[in-house]
Amino acid sequence: LPALRPHTLHITLGLLALLTLVNLRGVSEAGAVFVVPTW
C-alpha cells in the first residue's frame, strides 16, 4: 500500500506499542496471539 509510505514512522511506533501491551499481558497470552500469524 504505497499510499502509507509518508506514515512509516507512525506505523512503526503503533506496532511497537501494540507489541508492548501484548507482552505485558504475559507469556501464555503472547504465545496465543503469535501462534496463528507465525504458522
All heavy atoms as atom14 arrays in JSON, in Angstrom:
{
  "sequence": "LPALRPHTLHITLGLLALLTLVNLRGVSEAGAVFVVPTW",
  "atom14_mask": [
    [1, 1, 1, 1, 1, 1, 1, 1, 0, 0, 0, 0, 0, 0],
    [1, 1, 1, 1, 1, 1, 1, 0, 0, 0, 0, 0, 0, 0],
    [1, 1, 1, 1, 1, 0, 0, 0, 0, 0, 0, 0, 0, 0],
    [1, 1, 1, 1, 1, 1, 1, 1, 0, 0, 0, 0, 0, 0],
    [1, 1, 1, 1, 1, 1, 1, 1, 1, 1, 1, 0, 0, 0],
    [1, 1, 1, 1, 1, 1, 1, 0, 0, 0, 0, 0, 0, 0],
    [1, 1, 1, 1, 1, 1, 1, 1, 1, 1, 0, 0, 0, 0],
    [1, 1, 1, 1, 1, 1, 1, 0, 0, 0, 0, 0, 0, 0],
    [1, 1, 1, 1, 1, 1, 1, 1, 0, 0, 0, 0, 0, 0],
    [1, 1, 1, 1, 1, 1, 1, 1, 1, 1, 0, 0, 0, 0],
    [1, 1, 1, 1, 1, 1, 1, 1, 0, 0, 0, 0, 0, 0],
    [1, 1, 1, 1, 1, 1, 1, 0, 0, 0, 0, 0, 0, 0],
    [1, 1, 1, 1, 1, 1, 1, 1, 0, 0, 0, 0, 0, 0],
    [1, 1, 1, 1, 0, 0, 0, 0, 0, 0, 0, 0, 0, 0],
    [1, 1, 1, 1, 1, 1, 1, 1, 0, 0, 0, 0, 0, 0],
    [1, 1, 1, 1, 1, 1, 1, 1, 0, 0, 0, 0, 0, 0],
    [1, 1, 1, 1, 1, 0, 0, 0, 0, 0, 0, 0, 0, 0],
    [1, 1, 1, 1, 1, 1, 1, 1, 0, 0, 0, 0, 0, 0],
    [1, 1, 1, 1, 1, 1, 1, 1, 0, 0, 0, 0, 0, 0],
    [1, 1, 1, 1, 1, 1, 1, 0, 0, 0, 0, 0, 0, 0],
    [1, 1, 1, 1, 1, 1, 1, 1, 0, 0, 0, 0, 0, 0],
    [1, 1, 1, 1, 1, 1, 1, 0, 0, 0, 0, 0, 0, 0],
    [1, 1, 1, 1, 1, 1, 1, 1, 0, 0, 0, 0, 0, 0],
    [1, 1, 1, 1, 1, 1, 1, 1, 0, 0, 0, 0, 0, 0],
    [1, 1, 1, 1, 1, 1, 1, 1, 1, 1, 1, 0, 0, 0],
    [1, 1, 1, 1, 0, 0, 0, 0, 0, 0, 0, 0, 0, 0],
    [1, 1, 1, 1, 1, 1, 1, 0, 0, 0, 0, 0, 0, 0],
    [1, 1, 1, 1, 1, 1, 0, 0, 0, 0, 0, 0, 0, 0],
    [1, 1, 1, 1, 1, 1, 1, 1, 1, 0, 0, 0, 0, 0],
    [1, 1, 1, 1, 1, 0, 0, 0, 0, 0, 0, 0, 0, 0],
    [1, 1, 1, 1, 0, 0, 0, 0, 0, 0, 0, 0, 0, 0],
    [1, 1, 1, 1, 1, 0, 0, 0, 0, 0, 0, 0, 0, 0],
    [1, 1, 1, 1, 1, 1, 1, 0, 0, 0, 0, 0, 0, 0],
    [1, 1, 1, 1, 1, 1, 1, 1, 1, 1, 1, 0, 0, 0],
    [1, 1, 1, 1, 1, 1, 1, 0, 0, 0, 0, 0, 0, 0],
    [1, 1, 1, 1, 1, 1, 1, 0, 0, 0, 0, 0, 0, 0],
    [1, 1, 1, 1, 1, 1, 1, 0, 0, 0, 0, 0, 0, 0],
    [1, 1, 1, 1, 1, 1, 1, 0, 0, 0, 0, 0, 0, 0],
    [1, 1, 1, 1, 1, 1, 1, 1, 1, 1, 1, 1, 1, 1]
  ],
  "atom14_positions": [
    [[0.85, -1.2, 0.0], [0.0, 0.0, 0.0], [0.88, 1.24, 0.0], [1.13, 1.85, 1.05], [-0.92, -0.01, 1.23], [-1.85, -1.21, 1.38], [-2.54, -1.2, 2.73], [-2.88, -1.23, 0.25], [0.0, 0.0, 0.0], [0.0, 0.0, 0.0], [0.0, 0.0, 0.0], [0.0, 0.0, 0.0], [0.0, 0.0, 0.0], [0.0, 0.0, 0.0]],
    [[1.4, 1.65, -1.15], [2.35, 2.77, -1.22], [1.82, 4.08, -0.64], [2.61, 4.93, -0.23], [2.62, 2.89, -2.72], [2.28, 1.56, -3.29], [1.15, 1.04, -2.47], [0.0, 0.0, 0.0], [0.0, 0.0, 0.0], [0.0, 0.0, 0.0], [0.0, 0.0, 0.0], [0.0, 0.0, 0.0], [0.0, 0.0, 0.0], [0.0, 0.0, 0.0]],
    [[0.53, 4.24, -0.58], [-0.03, 5.49, -0.05], [0.31, 5.69, 1.42], [0.25, 6.81, 1.94], [-1.55, 5.49, -0.23], [0.0, 0.0, 0.0], [0.0, 0.0, 0.0], [0.0, 0.0, 0.0], [0.0, 0.0, 0.0], [0.0, 0.0, 0.0], [0.0, 0.0, 0.0], [0.0, 0.0, 0.0], [0.0, 0.0, 0.0], [0.0, 0.0, 0.0]],
    [[0.69, 4.62, 2.11], [1.01, 4.71, 3.54], [2.47, 5.1, 3.79], [2.86, 5.26, 4.94], [0.73, 3.36, 4.22], [-0.73, 2.91, 4.25], [-0.84, 1.53, 4.89], [-1.58, 3.91, 5.03], [0.0, 0.0, 0.0], [0.0, 0.0, 0.0], [0.0, 0.0, 0.0], [0.0, 0.0, 0.0], [0.0, 0.0, 0.0], [0.0, 0.0, 0.0]],
    [[3.27, 5.23, 2.73], [4.7, 5.48, 2.91], [4.99, 6.74, 3.74], [5.89, 6.72, 4.58], [5.4, 5.57, 1.55], [6.92, 5.72, 1.67], [7.63, 5.54, 0.34], [7.65, 4.13, -0.04], [6.94, 3.62, -1.04], [6.12, 4.38, -1.73], [7.02, 2.33, -1.34], [0.0, 0.0, 0.0], [0.0, 0.0, 0.0], [0.0, 0.0, 0.0]],
    [[4.25, 7.85, 3.59], [4.54, 9.03, 4.43], [4.3, 8.79, 5.92], [4.77, 9.57, 6.75], [3.57, 10.09, 3.88], [3.24, 9.64, 2.5], [3.24, 8.15, 2.56], [0.0, 0.0, 0.0], [0.0, 0.0, 0.0], [0.0, 0.0, 0.0], [0.0, 0.0, 0.0], [0.0, 0.0, 0.0], [0.0, 0.0, 0.0], [0.0, 0.0, 0.0]],
    [[3.58, 7.74, 6.26], [3.25, 7.48, 7.67], [4.08, 6.33, 8.24], [3.69, 5.71, 9.24], [1.76, 7.14, 7.79], [0.86, 8.16, 7.17], [0.67, 9.42, 7.69], [0.11, 8.11, 6.02], [-0.17, 10.1, 6.93], [-0.52, 9.33, 5.91], [0.0, 0.0, 0.0], [0.0, 0.0, 0.0], [0.0, 0.0, 0.0], [0.0, 0.0, 0.0]],
    [[5.22, 6.05, 7.63], [6.04, 4.91, 8.04], [6.39, 4.95, 9.52], [6.22, 3.96, 10.24], [7.34, 4.87, 7.2], [7.0, 4.65, 5.83], [8.25, 3.74, 7.67], [0.0, 0.0, 0.0], [0.0, 0.0, 0.0], [0.0, 0.0, 0.0], [0.0, 0.0, 0.0], [0.0, 0.0, 0.0], [0.0, 0.0, 0.0], [0.0, 0.0, 0.0]],
    [[6.89, 6.07, 10.01], [7.33, 6.16, 11.4], [6.16, 5.97, 12.36], [6.28, 5.26, 13.36], [8.01, 7.5, 11.66], [8.5, 7.73, 13.09], [9.5, 6.65, 13.5], [9.13, 9.11, 13.24], [0.0, 0.0, 0.0], [0.0, 0.0, 0.0], [0.0, 0.0, 0.0], [0.0, 0.0, 0.0], [0.0, 0.0, 0.0], [0.0, 0.0, 0.0]],
    [[5.01, 6.58, 12.05], [3.86, 6.45, 12.94], [3.38, 4.99, 13.0], [2.97, 4.51, 14.07], [2.72, 7.36, 12.46], [3.09, 8.81, 12.46], [3.57, 9.43, 11.34], [3.05, 9.75, 13.44], [3.81, 10.71, 11.61], [3.51, 10.92, 12.89], [0.0, 0.0, 0.0], [0.0, 0.0, 0.0], [0.0, 0.0, 0.0], [0.0, 0.0, 0.0]],
    [[3.44, 4.3, 11.88], [3.02, 2.9, 11.87], [3.96, 2.06, 12.71], [3.53, 1.19, 13.49], [2.96, 2.37, 10.42], [1.87, 3.1, 9.64], [2.7, 0.86, 10.4], [1.88, 2.82, 8.15], [0.0, 0.0, 0.0], [0.0, 0.0, 0.0], [0.0, 0.0, 0.0], [0.0, 0.0, 0.0], [0.0, 0.0, 0.0], [0.0, 0.0, 0.0]],
    [[5.27, 2.29, 12.58], [6.24, 1.51, 13.37], [6.03, 1.73, 14.87], [6.07, 0.77, 15.65], [7.68, 1.88, 13.0], [7.9, 3.27, 13.23], [7.98, 1.55, 11.56], [0.0, 0.0, 0.0], [0.0, 0.0, 0.0], [0.0, 0.0, 0.0], [0.0, 0.0, 0.0], [0.0, 0.0, 0.0], [0.0, 0.0, 0.0], [0.0, 0.0, 0.0]],
    [[5.79, 2.97, 15.28], [5.6, 3.24, 16.71], [4.28, 2.64, 17.2], [4.2, 2.16, 18.35], [5.62, 4.74, 16.96], [6.97, 5.44, 16.7], [6.85, 6.93, 16.93], [8.06, 4.84, 17.58], [0.0, 0.0, 0.0], [0.0, 0.0, 0.0], [0.0, 0.0, 0.0], [0.0, 0.0, 0.0], [0.0, 0.0, 0.0], [0.0, 0.0, 0.0]],
    [[3.25, 2.64, 16.36], [1.99, 2.0, 16.75], [2.15, 0.5, 16.93], [1.62, -0.08, 17.9], [0.0, 0.0, 0.0], [0.0, 0.0, 0.0], [0.0, 0.0, 0.0], [0.0, 0.0, 0.0], [0.0, 0.0, 0.0], [0.0, 0.0, 0.0], [0.0, 0.0, 0.0], [0.0, 0.0, 0.0], [0.0, 0.0, 0.0], [0.0, 0.0, 0.0]],
    [[2.88, -0.15, 16.03], [3.13, -1.59, 16.16], [3.95, -1.88, 17.41], [3.72, -2.88, 18.1], [3.86, -2.11, 14.92], [3.03, -2.14, 13.63], [3.92, -2.47, 12.43], [1.9, -3.16, 13.74], [0.0, 0.0, 0.0], [0.0, 0.0, 0.0], [0.0, 0.0, 0.0], [0.0, 0.0, 0.0], [0.0, 0.0, 0.0], [0.0, 0.0, 0.0]],
    [[4.91, -1.03, 17.72], [5.73, -1.2, 18.92], [4.86, -1.12, 20.18], [5.01, -1.93, 21.1], [6.82, -0.15, 18.95], [7.74, -0.16, 20.18], [8.53, -1.46, 20.25], [8.7, 1.03, 20.16], [0.0, 0.0, 0.0], [0.0, 0.0, 0.0], [0.0, 0.0, 0.0], [0.0, 0.0, 0.0], [0.0, 0.0, 0.0], [0.0, 0.0, 0.0]],
    [[3.95, -0.16, 20.22], [3.05, -0.03, 21.37], [2.17, -1.27, 21.52], [1.94, -1.76, 22.63], [2.19, 1.23, 21.22], [0.0, 0.0, 0.0], [0.0, 0.0, 0.0], [0.0, 0.0, 0.0], [0.0, 0.0, 0.0], [0.0, 0.0, 0.0], [0.0, 0.0, 0.0], [0.0, 0.0, 0.0], [0.0, 0.0, 0.0], [0.0, 0.0, 0.0]],
    [[1.69, -1.8, 20.4], [0.85, -2.99, 20.45], [1.63, -4.2, 20.98], [1.13, -4.96, 21.82], [0.31, -3.29, 19.05], [-0.57, -4.54, 18.91], [-1.84, -4.4, 19.76], [-0.95, -4.78, 17.45], [0.0, 0.0, 0.0], [0.0, 0.0, 0.0], [0.0, 0.0, 0.0], [0.0, 0.0, 0.0], [0.0, 0.0, 0.0], [0.0, 0.0, 0.0]],
    [[2.86, -4.36, 20.51], [3.69, -5.47, 20.99], [3.96, -5.35, 22.49], [3.95, -6.34, 23.22], [5.03, -5.49, 20.24], [5.09, -6.28, 18.94], [6.47, -6.15, 18.34], [4.77, -7.74, 19.2], [0.0, 0.0, 0.0], [0.0, 0.0, 0.0], [0.0, 0.0, 0.0], [0.0, 0.0, 0.0], [0.0, 0.0, 0.0], [0.0, 0.0, 0.0]],
    [[4.23, -4.14, 22.93], [4.49, -3.92, 24.35], [3.29, -4.34, 25.19], [3.43, -5.04, 26.2], [4.81, -2.44, 24.6], [5.91, -2.06, 23.78], [5.16, -2.2, 26.06], [0.0, 0.0, 0.0], [0.0, 0.0, 0.0], [0.0, 0.0, 0.0], [0.0, 0.0, 0.0], [0.0, 0.0, 0.0], [0.0, 0.0, 0.0], [0.0, 0.0, 0.0]],
    [[2.11, -3.93, 24.77], [0.89, -4.25, 25.51], [0.66, -5.76, 25.55], [0.34, -6.31, 26.61], [-0.29, -3.54, 24.85], [-1.64, -3.69, 25.55], [-1.58, -3.08, 26.93], [-2.74, -3.02, 24.72], [0.0, 0.0, 0.0], [0.0, 0.0, 0.0], [0.0, 0.0, 0.0], [0.0, 0.0, 0.0], [0.0, 0.0, 0.0], [0.0, 0.0, 0.0]],
    [[0.84, -6.43, 24.42], [0.62, -7.88, 24.37], [1.59, -8.59, 25.31], [1.2, -9.51, 26.05], [0.77, -8.39, 22.93], [0.81, -9.92, 22.91], [-0.37, -7.89, 22.07], [0.0, 0.0, 0.0], [0.0, 0.0, 0.0], [0.0, 0.0, 0.0], [0.0, 0.0, 0.0], [0.0, 0.0, 0.0], [0.0, 0.0, 0.0], [0.0, 0.0, 0.0]],
    [[2.84, -8.2, 25.33], [3.82, -8.88, 26.16], [3.63, -8.59, 27.64], [3.96, -9.43, 28.48], [5.24, -8.49, 25.72], [5.69, -9.29, 24.52], [6.15, -10.41, 24.64], [5.53, -8.71, 23.34], [0.0, 0.0, 0.0], [0.0, 0.0, 0.0], [0.0, 0.0, 0.0], [0.0, 0.0, 0.0], [0.0, 0.0, 0.0], [0.0, 0.0, 0.0]],
    [[3.11, -7.41, 27.96], [2.82, -7.13, 29.37], [1.7, -8.01, 29.9], [1.55, -8.16, 31.12], [2.46, -5.65, 29.54], [3.61, -4.65, 29.41], [3.08, -3.23, 29.43], [4.64, -4.85, 30.52], [0.0, 0.0, 0.0], [0.0, 0.0, 0.0], [0.0, 0.0, 0.0], [0.0, 0.0, 0.0], [0.0, 0.0, 0.0], [0.0, 0.0, 0.0]],
    [[0.93, -8.61, 29.02], [-0.16, -9.49, 29.44], [0.33, -10.89, 29.78], [-0.45, -11.73, 30.23], [-1.23, -9.57, 28.35], [-1.97, -8.26, 28.14], [-3.03, -8.39, 27.06], [-4.09, -9.29, 27.47], [-5.21, -8.93, 28.08], [-5.42, -7.65, 28.37], [-6.13, -9.82, 28.41], [0.0, 0.0, 0.0], [0.0, 0.0, 0.0], [0.0, 0.0, 0.0]],
    [[1.62, -11.19, 29.55], [2.17, -12.48, 29.97], [2.48, -13.41, 28.83], [2.05, -13.22, 27.69], [0.0, 0.0, 0.0], [0.0, 0.0, 0.0], [0.0, 0.0, 0.0], [0.0, 0.0, 0.0], [0.0, 0.0, 0.0], [0.0, 0.0, 0.0], [0.0, 0.0, 0.0], [0.0, 0.0, 0.0], [0.0, 0.0, 0.0], [0.0, 0.0, 0.0]],
    [[3.27, -14.47, 29.13], [3.77, -15.4, 28.12], [2.64, -16.16, 27.44], [2.62, -16.32, 26.21], [4.77, -16.38, 28.76], [5.13, -17.5, 27.78], [6.02, -15.65, 29.21], [0.0, 0.0, 0.0], [0.0, 0.0, 0.0], [0.0, 0.0, 0.0], [0.0, 0.0, 0.0], [0.0, 0.0, 0.0], [0.0, 0.0, 0.0], [0.0, 0.0, 0.0]],
    [[1.68, -16.66, 28.21], [0.65, -17.52, 27.62], [-0.2, -16.75, 26.62], [-0.51, -17.24, 25.54], [-0.22, -18.11, 28.73], [-0.89, -17.09, 29.45], [0.0, 0.0, 0.0], [0.0, 0.0, 0.0], [0.0, 0.0, 0.0], [0.0, 0.0, 0.0], [0.0, 0.0, 0.0], [0.0, 0.0, 0.0], [0.0, 0.0, 0.0], [0.0, 0.0, 0.0]],
    [[-0.59, -15.52, 26.98], [-1.41, -14.74, 26.05], [-0.6, -14.3, 24.84], [-1.1, -14.26, 23.72], [-2.0, -13.54, 26.77], [-3.05, -13.92, 27.8], [-4.06, -12.82, 28.03], [-4.2, -11.94, 27.16], [-4.72, -12.84, 29.08], [0.0, 0.0, 0.0], [0.0, 0.0, 0.0], [0.0, 0.0, 0.0], [0.0, 0.0, 0.0], [0.0, 0.0, 0.0]],
    [[0.68, -13.94, 25.05], [1.53, -13.56, 23.92], [1.68, -14.73, 22.96], [1.6, -14.57, 21.74], [2.89, -13.09, 24.42], [0.0, 0.0, 0.0], [0.0, 0.0, 0.0], [0.0, 0.0, 0.0], [0.0, 0.0, 0.0], [0.0, 0.0, 0.0], [0.0, 0.0, 0.0], [0.0, 0.0, 0.0], [0.0, 0.0, 0.0], [0.0, 0.0, 0.0]],
    [[1.9, -15.92, 23.52], [2.03, -17.09, 22.66], [0.77, -17.37, 21.87], [0.83, -17.7, 20.68], [0.0, 0.0, 0.0], [0.0, 0.0, 0.0], [0.0, 0.0, 0.0], [0.0, 0.0, 0.0], [0.0, 0.0, 0.0], [0.0, 0.0, 0.0], [0.0, 0.0, 0.0], [0.0, 0.0, 0.0], [0.0, 0.0, 0.0], [0.0, 0.0, 0.0]],
    [[-0.38, -17.24, 22.53], [-1.65, -17.48, 21.84], [-1.86, -16.48, 20.71], [-2.38, -16.82, 19.65], [-2.8, -17.38, 22.84], [0.0, 0.0, 0.0], [0.0, 0.0, 0.0], [0.0, 0.0, 0.0], [0.0, 0.0, 0.0], [0.0, 0.0, 0.0], [0.0, 0.0, 0.0], [0.0, 0.0, 0.0], [0.0, 0.0, 0.0], [0.0, 0.0, 0.0]],
    [[-1.43, -15.23, 20.92], [-1.57, -14.2, 19.89], [-0.68, -14.49, 18.69], [-1.07, -14.27, 17.54], [-1.25, -12.81, 20.48], [-1.12, -11.76, 19.39], [-2.32, -12.39, 21.48], [0.0, 0.0, 0.0], [0.0, 0.0, 0.0], [0.0, 0.0, 0.0], [0.0, 0.0, 0.0], [0.0, 0.0, 0.0], [0.0, 0.0, 0.0], [0.0, 0.0, 0.0]],
    [[0.52, -15.04, 18.93], [1.51, -15.17, 17.87], [1.47, -16.5, 17.13], [2.06, -16.62, 16.06], [2.91, -14.95, 18.43], [3.11, -13.6, 19.05], [3.88, -13.44, 20.18], [2.51, -12.48, 18.5], [4.06, -12.19, 20.75], [2.67, -11.23, 19.06], [3.45, -11.08, 20.18], [0.0, 0.0, 0.0], [0.0, 0.0, 0.0], [0.0, 0.0, 0.0]],
    [[0.81, -17.5, 17.68], [0.83, -18.82, 17.04], [0.21, -18.77, 15.65], [0.8, -19.25, 14.67], [0.1, -19.86, 17.93], [-0.22, -21.11, 17.11], [0.97, -20.24, 19.11], [0.0, 0.0, 0.0], [0.0, 0.0, 0.0], [0.0, 0.0, 0.0], [0.0, 0.0, 0.0], [0.0, 0.0, 0.0], [0.0, 0.0, 0.0], [0.0, 0.0, 0.0]],
    [[-0.98, -18.21, 15.53], [-1.68, -18.21, 14.23], [-0.9, -17.42, 13.17], [-0.66, -17.93, 12.07], [-3.12, -17.67, 14.41], [-3.79, -17.51, 13.05], [-3.93, -18.61, 15.28], [0.0, 0.0, 0.0], [0.0, 0.0, 0.0], [0.0, 0.0, 0.0], [0.0, 0.0, 0.0], [0.0, 0.0, 0.0], [0.0, 0.0, 0.0], [0.0, 0.0, 0.0]],
    [[-0.46, -16.17, 13.44], [0.31, -15.45, 12.41], [1.6, -16.17, 12.0], [1.98, -16.15, 10.83], [0.62, -14.1, 13.07], [-0.41, -13.93, 14.12], [-0.71, -15.31, 14.61], [0.0, 0.0, 0.0], [0.0, 0.0, 0.0], [0.0, 0.0, 0.0], [0.0, 0.0, 0.0], [0.0, 0.0, 0.0], [0.0, 0.0, 0.0], [0.0, 0.0, 0.0]],
    [[2.26, -16.82, 12.98], [3.52, -17.49, 12.67], [3.31, -18.63, 11.69], [3.98, -18.72, 10.65], [4.17, -18.03, 13.97], [4.4, -16.95, 14.86], [5.48, -18.73, 13.66], [0.0, 0.0, 0.0], [0.0, 0.0, 0.0], [0.0, 0.0, 0.0], [0.0, 0.0, 0.0], [0.0, 0.0, 0.0], [0.0, 0.0, 0.0], [0.0, 0.0, 0.0]],
    [[2.38, -19.51, 12.01], [2.16, -20.66, 11.13], [1.46, -20.25, 9.84], [1.62, -20.9, 8.79], [1.39, -21.74, 11.88], [2.25, -22.37, 12.93], [2.26, -22.12, 14.26], [3.29, -23.33, 12.7], [3.21, -22.86, 14.9], [3.87, -23.63, 13.96], [3.79, -23.99, 11.58], [4.91, -24.52, 14.12], [4.83, -24.88, 11.73], [5.39, -25.15, 12.99]]
  ]
}
